[in-house]
Every structure is written in structure tokens, then in C-alpha cells.
Amino acid sequence: MEFNEIAQTSLLYDFYGQLLTERQREVMELYHEENLTLSEIADEFSISRQGVHDTLKTAEKALQRYEEKLGLVSRFQESRQAIGKIDREIDGLAAECTDKRTAEKLRKIKEIIDSLDQ
């Protein structure tokens, strides 16, 4: 799995993980967050390595289906990009601004935008 795929799976899990079965969540967490191998997870649950692999693939496919239907991650990413553009525009306006009151309003708007990143 490439880094981008891992990051995307992690993001999907953050949004939709609670929709998975308890076993799927446990296996996903052990594999993706604890970095356990398939064999280590298999030992943990007393199942085969293939069983762990199948559970992971089923969970990952379920996460992708949720995203296809609900689109929360793509909307989140689009919103983040739009906020970034707005933030850069405000920086440009603030740099050009000579009116103190307007500059203060821009600073407050920038603080609100910055608080969204936290």
C-alpha cells in the first residue's frame, strides 16, 4: 500500500470507522495504528493470517463504499482547499490594506480561519 493510499484509508477510517463492525475496527486499528503484522493480529484473535487479510480488505472496501455514497471526505477536502484559498486572499488584502479598521477586520477573519485548522 502506497503512502497516499494509507493516508486516504486513515482519513476514511476517521470519518466512517464507527460504521464498521467491532472486529473490523479492532483489526484496522491494530494494522494501521499499531503497525502490527497480519501474523501478529492473527495470533491476537486466534484466526488465520488470511482471515485478518480478508477482514482488512472487507473493511477498506466498506469505507470506500461509504465515501462513494456520502462523500464526506471529499467535501471535507474541498472545504479545506477553499479555506486555504480564502486565507491566502486575506493575506494579500491585508498586505495591501492601509485602513486600520479594515486591517483589524481582516485580522479577525484570519483568526477565525486559523482556528478552523486546529
C-alpha atoms as a PDB file:
ATOM      1  CA  MET A   1       0.000   0.000   0.000  1.00  0.00           C
ATOM      2  CA  GLU A   2       1.426   3.408  -1.007  1.00  0.00           C
ATOM      3  CA  PHE A   3       1.609   6.324   1.401  1.00  0.00           C
ATOM      4  CA  ASN A   4      -1.274   8.142  -0.327  1.00  0.00           C
ATOM      5  CA  GLU A   5      -3.440   5.033  -0.093  1.00  0.00           C
ATOM      6  CA  ILE A   6      -2.563   4.633   3.587  1.00  0.00           C
ATOM      7  CA  ALA A   7      -3.346   8.294   4.262  1.00  0.00           C
ATOM      8  CA  GLN A   8      -6.647   8.043   2.370  1.00  0.00           C
ATOM      9  CA  THR A   9      -7.619   4.862   4.233  1.00  0.00           C
ATOM     10  CA  SER A  10      -6.770   6.555   7.521  1.00  0.00           C
ATOM     11  CA  LEU A  11      -8.910   9.553   6.618  1.00  0.00           C
ATOM     12  CA  LEU A  12     -11.796   7.308   5.579  1.00  0.00           C
ATOM     13  CA  TYR A  13     -11.442   5.448   8.864  1.00  0.00           C
ATOM     14  CA  ASP A  14     -11.561   8.729  10.803  1.00  0.00           C
ATOM     15  CA  PHE A  15     -14.839   9.636   9.122  1.00  0.00           C
ATOM     16  CA  TYR A  16     -16.538   6.262   8.834  1.00  0.00           C
ATOM     17  CA  GLY A  17     -14.762   3.918  11.239  1.00  0.00           C
ATOM     18  CA  GLN A  18     -17.687   3.787  13.638  1.00  0.00           C
ATOM     19  CA  LEU A  19     -19.809   2.265  10.866  1.00  0.00           C
ATOM     20  CA  LEU A  20     -17.583  -0.823  10.727  1.00  0.00           C
ATOM     21  CA  THR A  21     -18.105  -3.888  12.863  1.00  0.00           C
ATOM     22  CA  GLU A  22     -16.214  -4.060  16.139  1.00  0.00           C
ATOM     23  CA  ARG A  23     -13.877  -6.742  14.751  1.00  0.00           C
ATOM     24  CA  GLN A  24     -13.170  -4.684  11.625  1.00  0.00           C
ATOM     25  CA  ARG A  25     -12.372  -1.630  13.767  1.00  0.00           C
ATOM     26  CA  GLU A  26     -10.053  -3.637  16.008  1.00  0.00           C
ATOM     27  CA  VAL A  27      -8.180  -5.166  13.062  1.00  0.00           C
ATOM     28  CA  MET A  28      -7.906  -1.797  11.278  1.00  0.00           C
ATOM     29  CA  GLU A  29      -6.559  -0.132  14.416  1.00  0.00           C
ATOM     30  CA  LEU A  30      -4.019  -2.869  15.093  1.00  0.00           C
ATOM     31  CA  TYR A  31      -2.821  -2.893  11.497  1.00  0.00           C
ATOM     32  CA  HIS A  32      -2.876   0.823  10.650  1.00  0.00           C
ATOM     33  CA  GLU A  33      -2.293   2.479  14.012  1.00  0.00           C
ATOM     34  CA  GLU A  34      -0.312  -0.089  15.997  1.00  0.00           C
ATOM     35  CA  ASN A  35       1.581  -1.324  12.901  1.00  0.00           C
ATOM     36  CA  LEU A  36       1.124  -4.975  13.817  1.00  0.00           C
ATOM     37  CA  THR A  37       1.710  -7.550  11.090  1.00  0.00           C
ATOM     38  CA  LEU A  38      -1.051  -9.775   9.778  1.00  0.00           C
ATOM     39  CA  SER A  39       0.516 -12.686  11.679  1.00  0.00           C
ATOM     40  CA  GLU A  40       0.586 -10.740  14.953  1.00  0.00           C
ATOM     41  CA  ILE A  41      -3.055  -9.763  14.547  1.00  0.00           C
ATOM     42  CA  ALA A  42      -3.949 -13.342  13.649  1.00  0.00           C
ATOM     43  CA  ASP A  43      -2.320 -14.522  16.883  1.00  0.00           C
ATOM     44  CA  GLU A  44      -4.201 -11.836  18.830  1.00  0.00           C
ATOM     45  CA  PHE A  45      -7.591 -13.030  17.566  1.00  0.00           C
ATOM     46  CA  SER A  46      -6.735 -16.718  17.139  1.00  0.00           C
ATOM     47  CA  ILE A  47      -7.616 -16.614  13.456  1.00  0.00           C
ATOM     48  CA  SER A  48      -5.629 -17.253  10.290  1.00  0.00           C
ATOM     49  CA  ARG A  49      -3.448 -14.679   8.617  1.00  0.00           C
ATOM     50  CA  GLN A  50      -5.795 -14.947   5.620  1.00  0.00           C
ATOM     51  CA  GLY A  51      -8.733 -14.181   7.914  1.00  0.00           C
ATOM     52  CA  VAL A  52      -7.028 -10.968   9.030  1.00  0.00           C
ATOM     53  CA  HIS A  53      -6.269 -10.048   5.417  1.00  0.00           C
ATOM     54  CA  ASP A  54      -9.885 -10.665   4.404  1.00  0.00           C
ATOM     55  CA  THR A  55     -11.174  -8.607   7.330  1.00  0.00           C
ATOM     56  CA  LEU A  56      -8.875  -5.704   6.391  1.00  0.00           C
ATOM     57  CA  LYS A  57      -9.891  -5.777   2.730  1.00  0.00           C
ATOM     58  CA  THR A  58     -13.590  -6.020   3.597  1.00  0.00           C
ATOM     59  CA  ALA A  59     -13.291  -3.073   5.992  1.00  0.00           C
ATOM     60  CA  GLU A  60     -11.355  -0.970   3.483  1.00  0.00           C
ATOM     61  CA  LYS A  61     -13.933  -1.689   0.769  1.00  0.00           C
ATOM     62  CA  ALA A  62     -16.737  -0.761   3.169  1.00  0.00           C
ATOM     63  CA  LEU A  63     -15.015   2.552   3.947  1.00  0.00           C
ATOM     64  CA  GLN A  64     -14.709   3.272   0.222  1.00  0.00           C
ATOM     65  CA  ARG A  65     -18.397   2.454  -0.330  1.00  0.00           C
ATOM     66  CA  TYR A  66     -19.392   4.831   2.481  1.00  0.00           C
ATOM     67  CA  GLU A  67     -17.356   7.575   0.851  1.00  0.00           C
ATOM     68  CA  GLU A  68     -18.887   6.884  -2.562  1.00  0.00           C
ATOM     69  CA  LYS A  69     -22.365   7.196  -1.088  1.00  0.00           C
ATOM     70  CA  LEU A  70     -21.853  10.004   1.427  1.00  0.00           C
ATOM     71  CA  GLY A  71     -18.855  11.931   0.076  1.00  0.00           C
ATOM     72  CA  LEU A  72     -17.918  13.402   3.465  1.00  0.00           C
ATOM     73  CA  VAL A  73     -14.166  13.105   2.952  1.00  0.00           C
ATOM     74  CA  SER A  74     -14.205  14.719  -0.494  1.00  0.00           C
ATOM     75  CA  ARG A  75     -16.385  17.563   0.801  1.00  0.00           C
ATOM     76  CA  PHE A  76     -14.028  17.982   3.748  1.00  0.00           C
ATOM     77  CA  GLN A  77     -11.005  18.126   1.428  1.00  0.00           C
ATOM     78  CA  GLU A  78     -12.742  20.617  -0.886  1.00  0.00           C
ATOM     79  CA  SER A  79     -13.632  22.800   2.087  1.00  0.00           C
ATOM     80  CA  ARG A  80     -10.024  22.729   3.311  1.00  0.00           C
ATOM     81  CA  GLN A  81      -8.801  23.813  -0.126  1.00  0.00           C
ATOM     82  CA  ALA A  82     -11.358  26.623  -0.289  1.00  0.00           C
ATOM     83  CA  ILE A  83     -10.397  27.814   3.192  1.00  0.00           C
ATOM     84  CA  GLY A  84      -6.738  27.813   2.132  1.00  0.00           C
ATOM     85  CA  LYS A  85      -7.564  29.987  -0.894  1.00  0.00           C
ATOM     86  CA  ILE A  86      -9.599  32.381   1.238  1.00  0.00           C
ATOM     87  CA  ASP A  87      -6.758  32.558   3.753  1.00  0.00           C
ATOM     88  CA  ARG A  88      -4.249  33.471   1.017  1.00  0.00           C
ATOM     89  CA  GLU A  89      -6.613  36.115  -0.388  1.00  0.00           C
ATOM     90  CA  ILE A  90      -6.965  37.675   3.063  1.00  0.00           C
ATOM     91  CA  ASP A  91      -3.174  37.733   3.420  1.00  0.00           C
ATOM     92  CA  GLY A  92      -2.955  39.589   0.101  1.00  0.00           C
ATOM     93  CA  LEU A  93      -5.646  42.073   1.071  1.00  0.00           C
ATOM     94  CA  ALA A  94      -4.077  42.657   4.480  1.00  0.00           C
ATOM     95  CA  ALA A  95      -0.697  43.362   2.869  1.00  0.00           C
ATOM     96  CA  GLU A  96      -2.291  45.973   0.584  1.00  0.00           C
ATOM     97  CA  CYS A  97      -4.579  47.476   3.223  1.00  0.00           C
ATOM     98  CA  THR A  98      -3.808  50.946   4.566  1.00  0.00           C
ATOM     99  CA  ASP A  99      -7.010  51.475   6.574  1.00  0.00           C
ATOM    100  CA  LYS A 100      -6.503  50.365  10.197  1.00  0.00           C
ATOM    101  CA  ARG A 101     -10.132  49.404  10.781  1.00  0.00           C
ATOM    102  CA  THR A 102     -10.270  47.255   7.679  1.00  0.00           C
ATOM    103  CA  ALA A 103      -6.896  45.704   8.543  1.00  0.00           C
ATOM    104  CA  GLU A 104      -8.241  44.809  12.002  1.00  0.00           C
ATOM    105  CA  LYS A 105     -11.344  43.200  10.487  1.00  0.00           C
ATOM    106  CA  LEU A 106      -9.166  41.168   8.137  1.00  0.00           C
ATOM    107  CA  ARG A 107      -7.012  40.088  11.104  1.00  0.00           C
ATOM    108  CA  LYS A 108     -10.126  38.885  12.963  1.00  0.00           C
ATOM    109  CA  ILE A 109     -11.340  36.958   9.924  1.00  0.00           C
ATOM    110  CA  LYS A 110      -7.882  35.387   9.628  1.00  0.00           C
ATOM    111  CA  GLU A 111      -8.033  34.335  13.304  1.00  0.00           C
ATOM    112  CA  ILE A 112     -11.368  32.606  12.655  1.00  0.00           C
ATOM    113  CA  ILE A 113      -9.942  30.784   9.644  1.00  0.00           C
ATOM    114  CA  ASP A 114      -6.823  29.801  11.583  1.00  0.00           C
ATOM    115  CA  SER A 115      -8.991  28.381  14.377  1.00  0.00           C
ATOM    116  CA  LEU A 116     -10.579  26.001  11.832  1.00  0.00           C
ATOM    117  CA  ASP A 117      -7.203  24.327  11.291  1.00  0.00           C
ATOM    118  CA  GLN A 118      -6.901  23.319  14.922  1.00  0.00           C
END
